[in-house]
Amino acid sequence: MILSNDLRPGRKIELNGTPYLVVEYQHHKPGKGGAMVRTKLRNLRSGALVDRTFRPDEKLSPAPLEERRAQFLYRQGDDHIFMDVESYEQFGVTEKQLGEAGAFLKEEMEVTILFYHQEVIGVDLPIAVELTVVETEPGVRGDTVSGGSKPATLETGATIQVPLFIDVETRVRVDTRTGTYMGRA
């Protein structure tokens, strides 16, 4: 069991049979009355944010999450097929379970998959990935590094904003947390 005073951002807890991730934590002591712990929790199944207040001595249970390293193999319809790197077991993950991570998923990429009671609830990608630009407007003479930006479609199908000097077949680094251009690879 975890005391609510021991909650910190990044901690995973279970409330009413649902796993939550602590996003924000604040110990609050009003002038009158007892102290309380205010939290902002992310539902790991739906992604919804919830504000929840606990008493300091309230006991919470940790979420029974399992993390497994897996390699992305291929897409099959709406499913993405992964292979567990330890047991070599193959399993499918739907678009809904992948969420935004599917936009930057490339074949042979290793990821961490979160399981909650044998159910996939999330995929953690590396912080940065290198992808090739397959479609973008041509650069115009006089474009500079500090200039504007233009949309570019990557090999995975994702569209991001890149500087004007980036051309087709250029390899770029993308931040998977925000979906933004980081630089040339």
C-alpha atoms as a PDB file:
ATOM      1  CA  MET A   1       0.000   0.000   0.000  1.00  0.00           C
ATOM      2  CA  ILE A   2       1.042   3.585  -0.658  1.00  0.00           C
ATOM      3  CA  LEU A   3       0.187   6.516   1.605  1.00  0.00           C
ATOM      4  CA  SER A   4      -1.201   9.494  -0.309  1.00  0.00           C
ATOM      5  CA  ASN A   5       1.654  11.577   1.185  1.00  0.00           C
ATOM      6  CA  ASP A   6       4.089   9.357  -0.755  1.00  0.00           C
ATOM      7  CA  LEU A   7       2.528  10.154  -4.147  1.00  0.00           C
ATOM      8  CA  ARG A   8       4.814  11.824  -6.664  1.00  0.00           C
ATOM      9  CA  PRO A   9       4.526  12.629 -10.391  1.00  0.00           C
ATOM     10  CA  GLY A  10       5.119   9.465 -12.431  1.00  0.00           C
ATOM     11  CA  ARG A  11       3.756   7.105  -9.747  1.00  0.00           C
ATOM     12  CA  LYS A  12       1.113   4.622 -10.932  1.00  0.00           C
ATOM     13  CA  ILE A  13      -1.821   3.788  -8.655  1.00  0.00           C
ATOM     14  CA  GLU A  14      -5.075   1.843  -8.934  1.00  0.00           C
ATOM     15  CA  LEU A  15      -8.443   3.363  -7.970  1.00  0.00           C
ATOM     16  CA  ASN A  16     -11.728   1.455  -8.334  1.00  0.00           C
ATOM     17  CA  GLY A  17     -10.119  -1.117 -10.645  1.00  0.00           C
ATOM     18  CA  THR A  18      -8.636   1.488 -13.008  1.00  0.00           C
ATOM     19  CA  PRO A  19      -4.924   2.336 -13.371  1.00  0.00           C
ATOM     20  CA  TYR A  20      -3.910   6.002 -13.022  1.00  0.00           C
ATOM     21  CA  LEU A  21      -0.661   7.917 -13.469  1.00  0.00           C
ATOM     22  CA  VAL A  22       0.044  10.792 -11.056  1.00  0.00           C
ATOM     23  CA  VAL A  23       0.673  13.865 -13.246  1.00  0.00           C
ATOM     24  CA  GLU A  24       0.693  16.567 -10.560  1.00  0.00           C
ATOM     25  CA  TYR A  25       0.928  16.405  -6.773  1.00  0.00           C
ATOM     26  CA  GLN A  26       0.450  19.141  -4.180  1.00  0.00           C
ATOM     27  CA  HIS A  27       0.359  18.874  -0.397  1.00  0.00           C
ATOM     28  CA  HIS A  28      -2.087  21.539   0.806  1.00  0.00           C
ATOM     29  CA  LYS A  29      -2.519  22.765   4.380  1.00  0.00           C
ATOM     30  CA  PRO A  30      -5.352  25.285   4.638  1.00  0.00           C
ATOM     31  CA  GLY A  31      -5.383  27.676   7.583  1.00  0.00           C
ATOM     32  CA  LYS A  32      -8.361  25.923   9.070  1.00  0.00           C
ATOM     33  CA  GLY A  33      -8.853  22.154   9.155  1.00  0.00           C
ATOM     34  CA  GLY A  34      -6.606  19.235   8.257  1.00  0.00           C
ATOM     35  CA  ALA A  35      -4.070  18.923   5.485  1.00  0.00           C
ATOM     36  CA  MET A  36      -4.940  17.349   2.138  1.00  0.00           C
ATOM     37  CA  VAL A  37      -3.186  16.018  -0.925  1.00  0.00           C
ATOM     38  CA  ARG A  38      -4.384  17.409  -4.264  1.00  0.00           C
ATOM     39  CA  THR A  39      -3.496  15.396  -7.346  1.00  0.00           C
ATOM     40  CA  LYS A  40      -4.085  15.429 -11.074  1.00  0.00           C
ATOM     41  CA  LEU A  41      -4.346  11.849 -12.350  1.00  0.00           C
ATOM     42  CA  ARG A  42      -4.311  10.491 -15.917  1.00  0.00           C
ATOM     43  CA  ASN A  43      -6.514   7.470 -16.574  1.00  0.00           C
ATOM     44  CA  LEU A  44      -4.135   5.044 -18.325  1.00  0.00           C
ATOM     45  CA  ARG A  45      -6.993   3.339 -20.192  1.00  0.00           C
ATOM     46  CA  SER A  46      -8.795   6.380 -21.608  1.00  0.00           C
ATOM     47  CA  GLY A  47      -6.181   9.142 -21.231  1.00  0.00           C
ATOM     48  CA  ALA A  48      -8.648  11.411 -19.387  1.00  0.00           C
ATOM     49  CA  LEU A  49      -7.344  13.771 -16.681  1.00  0.00           C
ATOM     50  CA  VAL A  50      -9.022  13.688 -13.269  1.00  0.00           C
ATOM     51  CA  ASP A  51      -8.535  15.981 -10.257  1.00  0.00           C
ATOM     52  CA  ARG A  52      -8.653  14.036  -6.999  1.00  0.00           C
ATOM     53  CA  THR A  53      -8.101  15.068  -3.377  1.00  0.00           C
ATOM     54  CA  PHE A  54      -6.949  12.609  -0.698  1.00  0.00           C
ATOM     55  CA  ARG A  55      -6.463  12.762   3.061  1.00  0.00           C
ATOM     56  CA  PRO A  56      -2.725  12.552   3.983  1.00  0.00           C
ATOM     57  CA  ASP A  57      -3.134   9.206   5.774  1.00  0.00           C
ATOM     58  CA  GLU A  58      -5.274   7.596   3.039  1.00  0.00           C
ATOM     59  CA  LYS A  59      -3.872   4.293   1.732  1.00  0.00           C
ATOM     60  CA  LEU A  60      -3.806   3.601  -2.014  1.00  0.00           C
ATOM     61  CA  SER A  61      -2.815   0.478  -3.901  1.00  0.00           C
ATOM     62  CA  PRO A  62      -0.074   0.520  -6.548  1.00  0.00           C
ATOM     63  CA  ALA A  63      -1.220  -0.345 -10.071  1.00  0.00           C
ATOM     64  CA  PRO A  64      -0.183  -3.884 -11.076  1.00  0.00           C
ATOM     65  CA  LEU A  65       1.418  -2.807 -14.348  1.00  0.00           C
ATOM     66  CA  GLU A  66       3.851  -4.924 -16.295  1.00  0.00           C
ATOM     67  CA  GLU A  67       6.340  -3.429 -18.745  1.00  0.00           C
ATOM     68  CA  ARG A  68       7.647  -5.541 -21.615  1.00  0.00           C
ATOM     69  CA  ARG A  69      10.242  -4.704 -24.256  1.00  0.00           C
ATOM     70  CA  ALA A  70       8.900  -5.486 -27.717  1.00  0.00           C
ATOM     71  CA  GLN A  71       9.911  -4.972 -31.324  1.00  0.00           C
ATOM     72  CA  PHE A  72       7.434  -3.658 -33.915  1.00  0.00           C
ATOM     73  CA  LEU A  73       7.251  -6.075 -36.846  1.00  0.00           C
ATOM     74  CA  TYR A  74       4.508  -4.968 -39.276  1.00  0.00           C
ATOM     75  CA  ARG A  75       0.988  -3.614 -39.737  1.00  0.00           C
ATOM     76  CA  GLN A  76      -1.879  -5.978 -40.499  1.00  0.00           C
ATOM     77  CA  GLY A  77      -5.090  -4.059 -41.162  1.00  0.00           C
ATOM     78  CA  ASP A  78      -5.831  -2.011 -38.016  1.00  0.00           C
ATOM     79  CA  ASP A  79      -3.516  -4.149 -35.882  1.00  0.00           C
ATOM     80  CA  HIS A  80       0.181  -3.583 -35.285  1.00  0.00           C
ATOM     81  CA  ILE A  81       2.101  -6.819 -34.717  1.00  0.00           C
ATOM     82  CA  PHE A  82       4.824  -6.790 -32.036  1.00  0.00           C
ATOM     83  CA  MET A  83       7.281  -9.435 -30.823  1.00  0.00           C
ATOM     84  CA  ASP A  84       8.327  -9.771 -27.175  1.00  0.00           C
ATOM     85  CA  VAL A  85      12.153  -9.537 -27.256  1.00  0.00           C
ATOM     86  CA  GLU A  86      12.569 -12.076 -24.425  1.00  0.00           C
ATOM     87  CA  SER A  87      10.015 -14.788 -25.236  1.00  0.00           C
ATOM     88  CA  TYR A  88       9.711 -14.127 -29.027  1.00  0.00           C
ATOM     89  CA  GLU A  89       5.917 -14.290 -28.611  1.00  0.00           C
ATOM     90  CA  GLN A  90       4.011 -12.243 -31.202  1.00  0.00           C
ATOM     91  CA  PHE A  91       0.884 -10.244 -30.354  1.00  0.00           C
ATOM     92  CA  GLY A  92      -1.287  -7.553 -31.907  1.00  0.00           C
ATOM     93  CA  VAL A  93      -1.986  -4.048 -30.644  1.00  0.00           C
ATOM     94  CA  THR A  94      -4.888  -2.009 -32.051  1.00  0.00           C
ATOM     95  CA  GLU A  95      -4.730   1.605 -33.260  1.00  0.00           C
ATOM     96  CA  LYS A  96      -6.777   2.688 -30.227  1.00  0.00           C
ATOM     97  CA  GLN A  97      -4.356   1.022 -27.787  1.00  0.00           C
ATOM     98  CA  LEU A  98      -1.378   2.634 -29.550  1.00  0.00           C
ATOM     99  CA  GLY A  99      -2.825   6.129 -29.431  1.00  0.00           C
ATOM    100  CA  GLU A 100      -0.514   8.854 -30.724  1.00  0.00           C
ATOM    101  CA  ALA A 101       2.492   6.512 -30.634  1.00  0.00           C
ATOM    102  CA  GLY A 102       1.365   4.894 -33.915  1.00  0.00           C
ATOM    103  CA  ALA A 103       2.284   8.022 -35.894  1.00  0.00           C
ATOM    104  CA  PHE A 104       6.029   7.532 -35.320  1.00  0.00           C
ATOM    105  CA  LEU A 105       6.220   3.722 -35.217  1.00  0.00           C
ATOM    106  CA  LYS A 106       8.730   2.280 -37.681  1.00  0.00           C
ATOM    107  CA  GLU A 107       9.427  -1.390 -38.461  1.00  0.00           C
ATOM    108  CA  GLU A 108      12.090  -3.030 -36.263  1.00  0.00           C
ATOM    109  CA  MET A 109      11.744  -0.252 -33.638  1.00  0.00           C
ATOM    110  CA  GLU A 110      12.022  -1.412 -30.013  1.00  0.00           C
ATOM    111  CA  VAL A 111       9.426  -0.004 -27.618  1.00  0.00           C
ATOM    112  CA  THR A 112       8.148  -0.591 -24.076  1.00  0.00           C
ATOM    113  CA  ILE A 113       4.560  -1.842 -23.853  1.00  0.00           C
ATOM    114  CA  LEU A 114       2.509  -1.392 -20.658  1.00  0.00           C
ATOM    115  CA  PHE A 115       0.170  -4.232 -19.660  1.00  0.00           C
ATOM    116  CA  TYR A 116      -2.577  -4.045 -17.030  1.00  0.00           C
ATOM    117  CA  HIS A 117      -3.960  -7.514 -16.211  1.00  0.00           C
ATOM    118  CA  GLN A 118      -2.751  -8.849 -19.611  1.00  0.00           C
ATOM    119  CA  GLU A 119      -4.411  -5.902 -21.449  1.00  0.00           C
ATOM    120  CA  VAL A 120      -2.271  -3.445 -23.441  1.00  0.00           C
ATOM    121  CA  ILE A 121      -2.862   0.082 -22.120  1.00  0.00           C
ATOM    122  CA  GLY A 122       0.041   1.990 -23.608  1.00  0.00           C
ATOM    123  CA  VAL A 123       3.187   2.066 -25.716  1.00  0.00           C
ATOM    124  CA  ASP A 124       6.285   4.098 -24.785  1.00  0.00           C
ATOM    125  CA  LEU A 125       8.412   5.082 -27.784  1.00  0.00           C
ATOM    126  CA  PRO A 126      12.015   6.280 -27.609  1.00  0.00           C
ATOM    127  CA  ILE A 127      12.139  10.042 -26.954  1.00  0.00           C
ATOM    128  CA  ALA A 128      13.558  10.764 -30.419  1.00  0.00           C
ATOM    129  CA  VAL A 129      13.274   8.820 -33.682  1.00  0.00           C
ATOM    130  CA  GLU A 130      14.968   9.295 -37.038  1.00  0.00           C
ATOM    131  CA  LEU A 131      12.591   9.270 -40.002  1.00  0.00           C
ATOM    132  CA  THR A 132      12.834  10.109 -43.700  1.00  0.00           C
ATOM    133  CA  VAL A 133      10.791  12.918 -45.288  1.00  0.00           C
ATOM    134  CA  VAL A 134       8.795  11.441 -48.193  1.00  0.00           C
ATOM    135  CA  GLU A 135       6.801  14.498 -49.226  1.00  0.00           C
ATOM    136  CA  THR A 136       7.202  18.247 -48.747  1.00  0.00           C
ATOM    137  CA  GLU A 137       7.168  21.423 -50.798  1.00  0.00           C
ATOM    138  CA  PRO A 138      10.493  22.198 -52.473  1.00  0.00           C
ATOM    139  CA  GLY A 139      12.847  24.632 -50.772  1.00  0.00           C
ATOM    140  CA  VAL A 140      13.069  28.128 -52.250  1.00  0.00           C
ATOM    141  CA  ARG A 141      16.350  29.908 -52.830  1.00  0.00           C
ATOM    142  CA  GLY A 142      17.123  32.233 -49.938  1.00  0.00           C
ATOM    143  CA  ASP A 143      15.606  29.980 -47.267  1.00  0.00           C
ATOM    144  CA  THR A 144      17.562  30.176 -44.039  1.00  0.00           C
ATOM    145  CA  VAL A 145      17.826  28.047 -40.953  1.00  0.00           C
ATOM    146  CA  SER A 146      15.999  30.655 -38.859  1.00  0.00           C
ATOM    147  CA  GLY A 147      13.213  31.101 -41.430  1.00  0.00           C
ATOM    148  CA  GLY A 148       9.654  29.801 -41.329  1.00  0.00           C
ATOM    149  CA  SER A 149       8.343  26.273 -41.499  1.00  0.00           C
ATOM    150  CA  LYS A 150       6.367  24.042 -43.837  1.00  0.00           C
ATOM    151  CA  PRO A 151       4.501  20.724 -43.465  1.00  0.00           C
ATOM    152  CA  ALA A 152       6.359  17.505 -44.291  1.00  0.00           C
ATOM    153  CA  THR A 153       5.035  13.940 -44.494  1.00  0.00           C
ATOM    154  CA  LEU A 154       7.312  11.295 -42.968  1.00  0.00           C
ATOM    155  CA  GLU A 155       7.799   7.647 -43.956  1.00  0.00           C
ATOM    156  CA  THR A 156       5.351   6.551 -41.228  1.00  0.00           C
ATOM    157  CA  GLY A 157       2.592   8.805 -42.593  1.00  0.00           C
ATOM    158  CA  ALA A 158       2.879  11.418 -39.829  1.00  0.00           C
ATOM    159  CA  THR A 159       2.917  15.096 -40.806  1.00  0.00           C
ATOM    160  CA  ILE A 160       5.132  17.546 -38.895  1.00  0.00           C
ATOM    161  CA  GLN A 161       6.351  21.114 -39.358  1.00  0.00           C
ATOM    162  CA  VAL A 162       9.948  21.379 -40.629  1.00  0.00           C
ATOM    163  CA  PRO A 163      12.198  24.317 -41.586  1.00  0.00           C
ATOM    164  CA  LEU A 164      12.025  25.551 -45.184  1.00  0.00           C
ATOM    165  CA  PHE A 165      15.461  24.100 -46.131  1.00  0.00           C
ATOM    166  CA  ILE A 166      14.363  20.452 -45.566  1.00  0.00           C
ATOM    167  CA  ASP A 167      13.815  18.520 -48.823  1.00  0.00           C
ATOM    168  CA  VAL A 168      12.413  15.098 -49.777  1.00  0.00           C
ATOM    169  CA  GLU A 169      14.677  12.150 -48.742  1.00  0.00           C
ATOM    170  CA  THR A 170      16.161  14.162 -45.847  1.00  0.00           C
ATOM    171  CA  ARG A 171      16.447  12.217 -42.571  1.00  0.00           C
ATOM    172  CA  VAL A 172      15.132  14.186 -39.600  1.00  0.00           C
ATOM    173  CA  ARG A 173      14.983  13.644 -35.832  1.00  0.00           C
ATOM    174  CA  VAL A 174      11.498  13.926 -34.321  1.00  0.00           C
ATOM    175  CA  ASP A 175      10.562  14.308 -30.644  1.00  0.00           C
ATOM    176  CA  THR A 176       7.899  11.581 -30.113  1.00  0.00           C
ATOM    177  CA  ARG A 177       6.475  13.257 -27.002  1.00  0.00           C
ATOM    178  CA  THR A 178       5.491  16.452 -28.820  1.00  0.00           C
ATOM    179  CA  GLY A 179       5.688  15.459 -32.495  1.00  0.00           C
ATOM    180  CA  THR A 180       8.085  18.281 -33.311  1.00  0.00           C
ATOM    181  CA  TYR A 181      11.167  18.567 -35.507  1.00  0.00           C
ATOM    182  CA  MET A 182      14.458  18.404 -33.564  1.00  0.00           C
ATOM    183  CA  GLY A 183      17.029  18.579 -36.349  1.00  0.00           C
ATOM    184  CA  ARG A 184      18.571  16.694 -39.232  1.00  0.00           C
ATOM    185  CA  ALA A 185      19.732  13.169 -38.556  1.00  0.00           C
END
